[in-house]
PDB file of all heavy atoms in Angstrom:
ATOM      1  N   GLU A   1     -12.872  -6.094  -8.866  1.00  0.00           N
ATOM      2  CA  GLU A   1     -13.293  -7.549  -8.984  1.00  0.00           C
ATOM      3  C   GLU A   1     -13.017  -8.155 -10.378  1.00  0.00           C
ATOM      4  O   GLU A   1     -12.915  -9.412 -10.536  1.00  0.00           O
ATOM      5  CB  GLU A   1     -14.801  -7.639  -8.744  1.00  0.00           C
ATOM      6  CG  GLU A   1     -15.247  -7.299  -7.327  1.00  0.00           C
ATOM      7  CD  GLU A   1     -15.499  -5.812  -7.131  1.00  0.00           C
ATOM      8  OE1 GLU A   1     -15.402  -4.993  -8.130  1.00  0.00           O
ATOM      9  OE2 GLU A   1     -15.663  -5.396  -5.989  1.00  0.00           O
ATOM     10  N   GLN A   2     -12.801  -7.321 -11.416  1.00  0.00           N
ATOM     11  CA  GLN A   2     -12.512  -7.844 -12.667  1.00  0.00           C
ATOM     12  C   GLN A   2     -11.066  -8.099 -12.934  1.00  0.00           C
ATOM     13  O   GLN A   2     -10.602  -8.690 -13.951  1.00  0.00           O
ATOM     14  CB  GLN A   2     -12.959  -6.791 -13.727  1.00  0.00           C
ATOM     15  CG  GLN A   2     -14.484  -6.426 -13.587  1.00  0.00           C
ATOM     16  CD  GLN A   2     -15.297  -7.602 -13.759  1.00  0.00           C
ATOM     17  OE1 GLN A   2     -15.159  -8.389 -14.698  1.00  0.00           O
ATOM     18  NE2 GLN A   2     -16.376  -7.731 -12.878  1.00  0.00           N
ATOM     19  N   LEU A   3     -10.199  -7.700 -11.997  1.00  0.00           N
ATOM     20  CA  LEU A   3      -8.705  -7.906 -12.111  1.00  0.00           C
ATOM     21  C   LEU A   3      -8.367  -9.319 -11.735  1.00  0.00           C
ATOM     22  O   LEU A   3      -8.989  -9.936 -10.872  1.00  0.00           O
ATOM     23  CB  LEU A   3      -8.000  -6.946 -11.233  1.00  0.00           C
ATOM     24  CG  LEU A   3      -8.163  -5.427 -11.515  1.00  0.00           C
ATOM     25  CD1 LEU A   3      -7.456  -4.565 -10.432  1.00  0.00           C
ATOM     26  CD2 LEU A   3      -7.707  -5.102 -12.880  1.00  0.00           C
ATOM     27  N   SER A   4      -7.259  -9.760 -12.309  1.00  0.00           N
ATOM     28  CA  SER A   4      -6.722 -11.142 -11.968  1.00  0.00           C
ATOM     29  C   SER A   4      -6.085 -10.978 -10.611  1.00  0.00           C
ATOM     30  O   SER A   4      -5.722  -9.852 -10.140  1.00  0.00           O
ATOM     31  CB  SER A   4      -5.760 -11.626 -13.034  1.00  0.00           C
ATOM     32  OG  SER A   4      -4.539 -10.771 -12.981  1.00  0.00           O
ATOM     33  N   THR A   5      -5.816 -12.061  -9.974  1.00  0.00           N
ATOM     34  CA  THR A   5      -5.084 -12.128  -8.761  1.00  0.00           C
ATOM     35  C   THR A   5      -3.752 -11.404  -8.882  1.00  0.00           C
ATOM     36  O   THR A   5      -3.316 -10.649  -8.090  1.00  0.00           O
ATOM     37  CB  THR A   5      -4.855 -13.547  -8.195  1.00  0.00           C
ATOM     38  OG1 THR A   5      -6.171 -14.115  -8.002  1.00  0.00           O
ATOM     39  CG2 THR A   5      -4.102 -13.638  -6.974  1.00  0.00           C
ATOM     40  N   LYS A   6      -2.992 -11.732  -9.969  1.00  0.00           N
ATOM     41  CA  LYS A   6      -1.750 -11.130 -10.251  1.00  0.00           C
ATOM     42  C   LYS A   6      -1.753  -9.635 -10.364  1.00  0.00           C
ATOM     43  O   LYS A   6      -1.016  -8.845  -9.786  1.00  0.00           O
ATOM     44  CB  LYS A   6      -1.123 -11.732 -11.476  1.00  0.00           C
ATOM     45  CG  LYS A   6       0.277 -11.409 -11.735  1.00  0.00           C
ATOM     46  CD  LYS A   6       0.783 -12.181 -12.959  1.00  0.00           C
ATOM     47  CE  LYS A   6       2.266 -11.956 -13.174  1.00  0.00           C
ATOM     48  NZ  LYS A   6       2.810 -12.771 -14.326  1.00  0.00           N
ATOM     49  N   GLU A   7      -2.882  -9.124 -10.957  1.00  0.00           N
ATOM     50  CA  GLU A   7      -3.047  -7.675 -11.167  1.00  0.00           C
ATOM     51  C   GLU A   7      -3.384  -7.025  -9.783  1.00  0.00           C
ATOM     52  O   GLU A   7      -2.879  -5.948  -9.492  1.00  0.00           O
ATOM     53  CB  GLU A   7      -4.182  -7.324 -12.097  1.00  0.00           C
ATOM     54  CG  GLU A   7      -3.731  -7.714 -13.542  1.00  0.00           C
ATOM     55  CD  GLU A   7      -5.026  -7.697 -14.527  1.00  0.00           C
ATOM     56  OE1 GLU A   7      -6.126  -8.137 -14.154  1.00  0.00           O
ATOM     57  OE2 GLU A   7      -4.794  -7.254 -15.616  1.00  0.00           O
ATOM     58  N   VAL A   8      -4.134  -7.792  -9.005  1.00  0.00           N
ATOM     59  CA  VAL A   8      -4.451  -7.159  -7.644  1.00  0.00           C
ATOM     60  C   VAL A   8      -3.279  -7.182  -6.788  1.00  0.00           C
ATOM     61  O   VAL A   8      -2.965  -6.088  -6.014  1.00  0.00           O
ATOM     62  CB  VAL A   8      -5.554  -7.943  -6.942  1.00  0.00           C
ATOM     63  CG1 VAL A   8      -5.724  -7.538  -5.413  1.00  0.00           C
ATOM     64  CG2 VAL A   8      -6.910  -7.853  -7.730  1.00  0.00           C
ATOM     65  N   ILE A   9      -2.313  -8.103  -6.803  1.00  0.00           N
ATOM     66  CA  ILE A   9      -1.099  -8.093  -6.110  1.00  0.00           C
ATOM     67  C   ILE A   9      -0.262  -6.879  -6.541  1.00  0.00           C
ATOM     68  O   ILE A   9       0.452  -6.179  -5.780  1.00  0.00           O
ATOM     69  CB  ILE A   9      -0.364  -9.450  -6.165  1.00  0.00           C
ATOM     70  CG1 ILE A   9      -1.155 -10.536  -5.500  1.00  0.00           C
ATOM     71  CG2 ILE A   9       1.106  -9.401  -5.684  1.00  0.00           C
ATOM     72  CD1 ILE A   9      -0.706 -11.951  -5.728  1.00  0.00           C
ATOM     73  N   LYS A  10      -0.074  -6.749  -7.932  1.00  0.00           N
ATOM     74  CA  LYS A  10       0.667  -5.584  -8.448  1.00  0.00           C
ATOM     75  C   LYS A  10       0.100  -4.218  -7.930  1.00  0.00           C
ATOM     76  O   LYS A  10       0.824  -3.336  -7.631  1.00  0.00           O
ATOM     77  CB  LYS A  10       0.741  -5.582  -9.932  1.00  0.00           C
ATOM     78  CG  LYS A  10       1.662  -6.640 -10.518  1.00  0.00           C
ATOM     79  CD  LYS A  10       1.641  -6.505 -12.025  1.00  0.00           C
ATOM     80  CE  LYS A  10       2.567  -7.500 -12.719  1.00  0.00           C
ATOM     81  NZ  LYS A  10       2.560  -7.355 -14.181  1.00  0.00           N
ATOM     82  N   LEU A  11      -1.230  -4.188  -7.904  1.00  0.00           N
ATOM     83  CA  LEU A  11      -1.873  -2.936  -7.399  1.00  0.00           C
ATOM     84  C   LEU A  11      -1.624  -2.718  -5.988  1.00  0.00           C
ATOM     85  O   LEU A  11      -1.330  -1.546  -5.643  1.00  0.00           O
ATOM     86  CB  LEU A  11      -3.480  -3.034  -7.693  1.00  0.00           C
ATOM     87  CG  LEU A  11      -4.305  -1.888  -7.287  1.00  0.00           C
ATOM     88  CD1 LEU A  11      -3.986  -0.706  -8.108  1.00  0.00           C
ATOM     89  CD2 LEU A  11      -5.764  -2.220  -7.388  1.00  0.00           C
ATOM     90  N   TYR A  12      -1.542  -3.716  -5.213  1.00  0.00           N
ATOM     91  CA  TYR A  12      -1.267  -3.573  -3.755  1.00  0.00           C
ATOM     92  C   TYR A  12       0.199  -3.101  -3.617  1.00  0.00           C
ATOM     93  O   TYR A  12       0.417  -2.129  -2.862  1.00  0.00           O
ATOM     94  CB  TYR A  12      -1.385  -4.948  -3.016  1.00  0.00           C
ATOM     95  CG  TYR A  12      -0.988  -4.850  -1.586  1.00  0.00           C
ATOM     96  CD1 TYR A  12      -1.803  -4.271  -0.687  1.00  0.00           C
ATOM     97  CD2 TYR A  12       0.256  -5.409  -1.101  1.00  0.00           C
ATOM     98  CE1 TYR A  12      -1.489  -4.220   0.733  1.00  0.00           C
ATOM     99  CE2 TYR A  12       0.639  -5.305   0.222  1.00  0.00           C
ATOM    100  CZ  TYR A  12      -0.207  -4.761   1.089  1.00  0.00           C
ATOM    101  OH  TYR A  12       0.115  -4.700   2.416  1.00  0.00           O
ATOM    102  N   SER A  13       1.116  -3.662  -4.355  1.00  0.00           N
ATOM    103  CA  SER A  13       2.500  -3.328  -4.274  1.00  0.00           C
ATOM    104  C   SER A  13       2.696  -1.896  -4.643  1.00  0.00           C
ATOM    105  O   SER A  13       3.409  -1.125  -4.022  1.00  0.00           O
ATOM    106  CB  SER A  13       3.458  -4.266  -5.185  1.00  0.00           C
ATOM    107  OG  SER A  13       4.712  -3.795  -5.247  1.00  0.00           O
ATOM    108  N   ALA A  14       2.023  -1.504  -5.783  1.00  0.00           N
ATOM    109  CA  ALA A  14       2.160   0.027  -6.204  1.00  0.00           C
ATOM    110  C   ALA A  14       1.540   0.855  -5.222  1.00  0.00           C
ATOM    111  O   ALA A  14       2.042   1.934  -4.986  1.00  0.00           O
ATOM    112  CB  ALA A  14       1.348   0.049  -7.528  1.00  0.00           C
ATOM    113  N   SER A  15       0.417   0.480  -4.561  1.00  0.00           N
ATOM    114  CA  SER A  15      -0.224   1.321  -3.553  1.00  0.00           C
ATOM    115  C   SER A  15       0.702   1.499  -2.337  1.00  0.00           C
ATOM    116  O   SER A  15       0.823   2.586  -1.820  1.00  0.00           O
ATOM    117  CB  SER A  15      -1.538   0.662  -3.078  1.00  0.00           C
ATOM    118  OG  SER A  15      -2.460   0.645  -4.097  1.00  0.00           O
ATOM    119  N   ILE A  16       1.365   0.487  -1.845  1.00  0.00           N
ATOM    120  CA  ILE A  16       2.316   0.560  -0.759  1.00  0.00           C
ATOM    121  C   ILE A  16       3.491   1.518  -1.074  1.00  0.00           C
ATOM    122  O   ILE A  16       3.831   2.403  -0.306  1.00  0.00           O
ATOM    123  CB  ILE A  16       2.828  -0.818  -0.293  1.00  0.00           C
ATOM    124  CG1 ILE A  16       1.721  -1.719   0.298  1.00  0.00           C
ATOM    125  CG2 ILE A  16       3.973  -0.771   0.701  1.00  0.00           C
ATOM    126  CD1 ILE A  16       0.994  -1.167   1.420  1.00  0.00           C
ATOM    127  N   LYS A  17       3.944   1.305  -2.272  1.00  0.00           N
ATOM    128  CA  LYS A  17       5.101   2.318  -2.789  1.00  0.00           C
ATOM    129  C   LYS A  17       4.665   3.729  -2.783  1.00  0.00           C
ATOM    130  O   LYS A  17       5.364   4.547  -2.311  1.00  0.00           O
ATOM    131  CB  LYS A  17       5.631   1.778  -4.143  1.00  0.00           C
ATOM    132  CG  LYS A  17       6.457   0.508  -4.015  1.00  0.00           C
ATOM    133  CD  LYS A  17       6.897  -0.045  -5.406  1.00  0.00           C
ATOM    134  CE  LYS A  17       7.622  -1.243  -5.414  1.00  0.00           C
ATOM    135  NZ  LYS A  17       7.957  -1.769  -6.656  1.00  0.00           N
ATOM    136  N   GLU A  18       3.411   3.908  -3.241  1.00  0.00           N
ATOM    137  CA  GLU A  18       2.994   5.311  -3.320  1.00  0.00           C
ATOM    138  C   GLU A  18       2.682   5.843  -1.965  1.00  0.00           C
ATOM    139  O   GLU A  18       2.963   7.032  -1.695  1.00  0.00           O
ATOM    140  CB  GLU A  18       1.721   5.334  -4.180  1.00  0.00           C
ATOM    141  CG  GLU A  18       1.163   6.764  -4.409  1.00  0.00           C
ATOM    142  CD  GLU A  18       2.115   7.806  -5.074  1.00  0.00           C
ATOM    143  OE1 GLU A  18       3.031   7.360  -5.725  1.00  0.00           O
ATOM    144  OE2 GLU A  18       1.863   9.038  -4.896  1.00  0.00           O
ATOM    145  N   LEU A  19       2.093   5.120  -1.034  1.00  0.00           N
ATOM    146  CA  LEU A  19       1.941   5.499   0.346  1.00  0.00           C
ATOM    147  C   LEU A  19       3.274   5.857   1.012  1.00  0.00           C
ATOM    148  O   LEU A  19       3.324   6.935   1.738  1.00  0.00           O
ATOM    149  CB  LEU A  19       1.098   4.534   1.104  1.00  0.00           C
ATOM    150  CG  LEU A  19      -0.352   4.291   0.783  1.00  0.00           C
ATOM    151  CD1 LEU A  19      -0.943   3.021   1.358  1.00  0.00           C
ATOM    152  CD2 LEU A  19      -1.117   5.576   1.088  1.00  0.00           C
ATOM    153  N   LYS A  20       4.259   5.120   0.774  1.00  0.00           N
ATOM    154  CA  LYS A  20       5.620   5.429   1.363  1.00  0.00           C
ATOM    155  C   LYS A  20       6.176   6.661   0.677  1.00  0.00           C
ATOM    156  O   LYS A  20       6.767   7.488   1.363  1.00  0.00           O
ATOM    157  CB  LYS A  20       6.555   4.189   1.066  1.00  0.00           C
ATOM    158  CG  LYS A  20       6.218   3.111   2.125  1.00  0.00           C
ATOM    159  CD  LYS A  20       7.267   1.956   2.037  1.00  0.00           C
ATOM    160  CE  LYS A  20       7.002   0.842   3.049  1.00  0.00           C
ATOM    161  NZ  LYS A  20       8.017  -0.160   3.085  1.00  0.00           N
ATOM    162  N   ARG A  21       6.032   6.767  -0.636  1.00  0.00           N
ATOM    163  CA  ARG A  21       6.555   8.038  -1.306  1.00  0.00           C
ATOM    164  C   ARG A  21       5.812   9.305  -0.710  1.00  0.00           C
ATOM    165  O   ARG A  21       6.476  10.286  -0.647  1.00  0.00           O
ATOM    166  CB  ARG A  21       6.224   7.966  -2.808  1.00  0.00           C
ATOM    167  CG  ARG A  21       6.953   9.148  -3.554  1.00  0.00           C
ATOM    168  CD  ARG A  21       6.438   9.077  -5.101  1.00  0.00           C
ATOM    169  NE  ARG A  21       5.032   9.560  -5.172  1.00  0.00           N
ATOM    170  CZ  ARG A  21       4.676  10.797  -5.110  1.00  0.00           C
ATOM    171  NH1 ARG A  21       5.539  11.763  -4.827  1.00  0.00           N
ATOM    172  NH2 ARG A  21       3.334  11.083  -5.252  1.00  0.00           N
ATOM    173  N   ARG A  22       4.541   9.219  -0.410  1.00  0.00           N
ATOM    174  CA  ARG A  22       3.836  10.391   0.136  1.00  0.00           C
ATOM    175  C   ARG A  22       4.142  10.495   1.652  1.00  0.00           C
ATOM    176  O   ARG A  22       3.559  11.373   2.306  1.00  0.00           O
ATOM    177  CB  ARG A  22       2.309  10.191  -0.034  1.00  0.00           C
ATOM    178  CG  ARG A  22       1.983  10.223  -1.536  1.00  0.00           C
ATOM    179  CD  ARG A  22       0.460  10.029  -1.749  1.00  0.00           C
ATOM    180  NE  ARG A  22       0.185   9.978  -3.178  1.00  0.00           N
ATOM    181  CZ  ARG A  22      -1.024  10.223  -3.657  1.00  0.00           C
ATOM    182  NH1 ARG A  22      -2.006  10.521  -2.815  1.00  0.00           N
ATOM    183  NH2 ARG A  22      -1.276  10.080  -4.861  1.00  0.00           N
ATOM    184  N   LYS A  23       4.884   9.537   2.220  1.00  0.00           N
ATOM    185  CA  LYS A  23       5.189   9.591   3.669  1.00  0.00           C
ATOM    186  C   LYS A  23       3.951   9.444   4.606  1.00  0.00           C
ATOM    187  O   LYS A  23       3.890   9.952   5.672  1.00  0.00           O
ATOM    188  CB  LYS A  23       5.934  10.883   4.074  1.00  0.00           C
ATOM    189  CG  LYS A  23       7.299  10.992   3.340  1.00  0.00           C
ATOM    190  CD  LYS A  23       8.024  12.172   3.823  1.00  0.00           C
ATOM    191  CE  LYS A  23       9.349  12.401   3.156  1.00  0.00           C
ATOM    192  NZ  LYS A  23       9.884  11.799   2.077  1.00  0.00           N
ATOM    193  N   ILE A  24       3.023   8.593   4.005  1.00  0.00           N
ATOM    194  CA  ILE A  24       1.775   8.228   4.763  1.00  0.00           C
ATOM    195  C   ILE A  24       2.142   7.058   5.656  1.00  0.00           C
ATOM    196  O   ILE A  24       1.738   6.949   6.711  1.00  0.00           O
ATOM    197  CB  ILE A  24       0.633   8.016   3.895  1.00  0.00           C
ATOM    198  CG1 ILE A  24       0.208   9.354   3.205  1.00  0.00           C
ATOM    199  CG2 ILE A  24      -0.546   7.390   4.660  1.00  0.00           C
ATOM    200  CD1 ILE A  24      -0.809   9.130   2.084  1.00  0.00           C
ATOM    201  N   ILE A  25       2.870   6.067   5.059  1.00  0.00           N
ATOM    202  CA  ILE A  25       3.442   5.013   5.781  1.00  0.00           C
ATOM    203  C   ILE A  25       4.952   5.036   5.863  1.00  0.00           C
ATOM    204  O   ILE A  25       5.455   5.529   4.760  1.00  0.00           O
ATOM    205  CB  ILE A  25       2.877   3.590   5.342  1.00  0.00           C
ATOM    206  CG1 ILE A  25       3.296   3.389   3.881  1.00  0.00           C
ATOM    207  CG2 ILE A  25       1.389   3.598   5.611  1.00  0.00           C
ATOM    208  CD1 ILE A  25       2.909   2.013   3.410  1.00  0.00           C
ATOM    209  N   ARG A  26       5.607   4.615   6.838  1.00  0.00           N
ATOM    210  CA  ARG A  26       7.041   4.709   6.949  1.00  0.00           C
ATOM    211  C   ARG A  26       7.716   3.332   7.204  1.00  0.00           C
ATOM    212  O   ARG A  26       8.868   3.201   7.073  1.00  0.00           O
ATOM    213  CB  ARG A  26       7.379   5.651   8.117  1.00  0.00           C
ATOM    214  CG  ARG A  26       6.897   7.080   7.922  1.00  0.00           C
ATOM    215  CD  ARG A  26       7.202   8.056   9.024  1.00  0.00           C
ATOM    216  NE  ARG A  26       6.522   7.549  10.295  1.00  0.00           N
ATOM    217  CZ  ARG A  26       7.082   7.793  11.458  1.00  0.00           C
ATOM    218  NH1 ARG A  26       8.160   8.444  11.626  1.00  0.00           N
ATOM    219  NH2 ARG A  26       6.353   7.384  12.529  1.00  0.00           N
ATOM    220  N   THR A  27       6.949   2.412   7.614  1.00  0.00           N
ATOM    221  CA  THR A  27       7.445   1.102   7.959  1.00  0.00           C
ATOM    222  C   THR A  27       6.563  -0.026   7.304  1.00  0.00           C
ATOM    223  O   THR A  27       5.695   0.265   6.510  1.00  0.00           O
ATOM    224  CB  THR A  27       7.350   0.817   9.572  1.00  0.00           C
ATOM    225  OG1 THR A  27       5.985   0.763   9.965  1.00  0.00           O
ATOM    226  CG2 THR A  27       8.124   2.033  10.261  1.00  0.00           C
ATOM    227  N   ASN A  28       6.792  -1.264   7.722  1.00  0.00           N
ATOM    228  CA  ASN A  28       5.881  -2.328   7.228  1.00  0.00           C
ATOM    229  C   ASN A  28       4.624  -2.456   8.076  1.00  0.00           C
ATOM    230  O   ASN A  28       3.797  -3.338   7.796  1.00  0.00           O
ATOM    231  CB  ASN A  28       6.696  -3.612   7.125  1.00  0.00           C
ATOM    232  CG  ASN A  28       7.712  -3.586   6.093  1.00  0.00           C
ATOM    233  OD1 ASN A  28       7.564  -2.905   5.073  1.00  0.00           O
ATOM    234  ND2 ASN A  28       8.750  -4.307   6.298  1.00  0.00           N
ATOM    235  N   ASN A  29       4.409  -1.639   9.092  1.00  0.00           N
ATOM    236  CA  ASN A  29       3.245  -1.648   9.914  1.00  0.00           C
ATOM    237  C   ASN A  29       2.245  -0.682   9.311  1.00  0.00           C
ATOM    238  O   ASN A  29       2.073   0.399   9.744  1.00  0.00           O
ATOM    239  CB  ASN A  29       3.594  -1.202  11.330  1.00  0.00           C
ATOM    240  CG  ASN A  29       2.413  -1.240  12.282  1.00  0.00           C
ATOM    241  OD1 ASN A  29       1.285  -1.542  11.820  1.00  0.00           O
ATOM    242  ND2 ASN A  29       2.571  -0.873  13.472  1.00  0.00           N
ATOM    243  N   VAL A  30       1.617  -1.210   8.195  1.00  0.00           N
ATOM    244  CA  VAL A  30       0.813  -0.394   7.412  1.00  0.00           C
ATOM    245  C   VAL A  30      -0.385   0.206   8.198  1.00  0.00           C
ATOM    246  O   VAL A  30      -0.648   1.452   8.120  1.00  0.00           O
ATOM    247  CB  VAL A  30       0.221  -1.127   6.201  1.00  0.00           C
ATOM    248  CG1 VAL A  30      -0.741  -0.354   5.347  1.00  0.00           C
ATOM    249  CG2 VAL A  30       1.348  -1.623   5.323  1.00  0.00           C
ATOM    250  N   ILE A  31      -1.093  -0.639   8.911  1.00  0.00           N
ATOM    251  CA  ILE A  31      -2.273  -0.137   9.687  1.00  0.00           C
ATOM    252  C   ILE A  31      -1.847   0.859  10.833  1.00  0.00           C
ATOM    253  O   ILE A  31      -2.407   1.953  10.962  1.00  0.00           O
ATOM    254  CB  ILE A  31      -3.060  -1.312  10.397  1.00  0.00           C
ATOM    255  CG1 ILE A  31      -3.496  -2.267   9.278  1.00  0.00           C
ATOM    256  CG2 ILE A  31      -4.178  -0.834  11.243  1.00  0.00           C
ATOM    257  CD1 ILE A  31      -4.407  -1.738   8.244  1.00  0.00           C
ATOM    258  N   GLY A  32      -0.793   0.530  11.555  1.00  0.00           N
ATOM    259  CA  GLY A  32      -0.290   1.554  12.602  1.00  0.00           C
ATOM    260  C   GLY A  32       0.113   2.873  11.947  1.00  0.00           C
ATOM    261  O   GLY A  32      -0.266   3.974  12.466  1.00  0.00           O
ATOM    262  N   ASP A  33       0.870   2.704  10.902  1.00  0.00           N
ATOM    263  CA  ASP A  33       1.322   4.013  10.201  1.00  0.00           C
ATOM    264  C   ASP A  33       0.129   4.899   9.676  1.00  0.00           C
ATOM    265  O   ASP A  33       0.155   6.118   9.817  1.00  0.00           O
ATOM    266  CB  ASP A  33       2.310   3.722   9.093  1.00  0.00           C
ATOM    267  CG  ASP A  33       3.696   3.274   9.574  1.00  0.00           C
ATOM    268  OD1 ASP A  33       3.978   3.408  10.796  1.00  0.00           O
ATOM    269  OD2 ASP A  33       4.528   2.946   8.683  1.00  0.00           O
ATOM    270  N   MET A  34      -0.838   4.184   9.034  1.00  0.00           N
ATOM    271  CA  MET A  34      -1.910   4.857   8.523  1.00  0.00           C
ATOM    272  C   MET A  34      -2.845   5.546   9.644  1.00  0.00           C
ATOM    273  O   MET A  34      -3.200   6.694   9.563  1.00  0.00           O
ATOM    274  CB  MET A  34      -2.831   4.001   7.720  1.00  0.00           C
ATOM    275  CG  MET A  34      -2.197   3.592   6.408  1.00  0.00           C
ATOM    276  SD  MET A  34      -3.102   2.378   5.444  1.00  0.00           S
ATOM    277  CE  MET A  34      -4.260   3.557   4.555  1.00  0.00           C
ATOM    278  N   GLY A  35      -2.950   4.804  10.768  1.00  0.00           N
ATOM    279  CA  GLY A  35      -3.575   5.332  11.868  1.00  0.00           C
ATOM    280  C   GLY A  35      -2.932   6.564  12.503  1.00  0.00           C
ATOM    281  O   GLY A  35      -3.569   7.566  12.746  1.00  0.00           O
ATOM    282  N   GLU A  36      -1.633   6.462  12.564  1.00  0.00           N
ATOM    283  CA  GLU A  36      -0.813   7.634  13.141  1.00  0.00           C
ATOM    284  C   GLU A  36      -0.963   8.805  12.168  1.00  0.00           C
ATOM    285  O   GLU A  36      -1.174   9.954  12.610  1.00  0.00           O
ATOM    286  CB  GLU A  36       0.636   7.229  13.250  1.00  0.00           C
ATOM    287  CG  GLU A  36       1.536   8.337  13.859  1.00  0.00           C
ATOM    288  CD  GLU A  36       3.049   7.844  13.972  1.00  0.00           C
ATOM    289  OE1 GLU A  36       3.606   7.546  12.920  1.00  0.00           O
ATOM    290  OE2 GLU A  36       3.459   7.896  15.037  1.00  0.00           O
ATOM    291  N   TYR A  37      -0.904   8.583  10.831  1.00  0.00           N
ATOM    292  CA  TYR A  37      -0.956   9.626   9.927  1.00  0.00           C
ATOM    293  C   TYR A  37      -2.394  10.329  10.005  1.00  0.00           C
ATOM    294  O   TYR A  37      -2.434  11.559   9.959  1.00  0.00           O
ATOM    295  CB  TYR A  37      -0.727   9.073   8.439  1.00  0.00           C
ATOM    296  CG  TYR A  37      -1.004  10.134   7.414  1.00  0.00           C
ATOM    297  CD1 TYR A  37      -0.025  10.960   7.002  1.00  0.00           C
ATOM    298  CD2 TYR A  37      -2.258  10.206   6.761  1.00  0.00           C
ATOM    299  CE1 TYR A  37      -0.278  11.932   5.948  1.00  0.00           C
ATOM    300  CE2 TYR A  37      -2.528  11.141   5.819  1.00  0.00           C
ATOM    301  CZ  TYR A  37      -1.547  12.007   5.478  1.00  0.00           C
ATOM    302  OH  TYR A  37      -1.769  12.961   4.484  1.00  0.00           O
TER     303      TYR A  37
END
């Protein structure tokens, strides 16, 4: 809650990249990929 909007967007982007690196998500269907995982 203390982060700026810009920081939250960067955090989201970093989270998506890390989830892809860990092969938790494989596509842009984040919810479907996470559910499958």
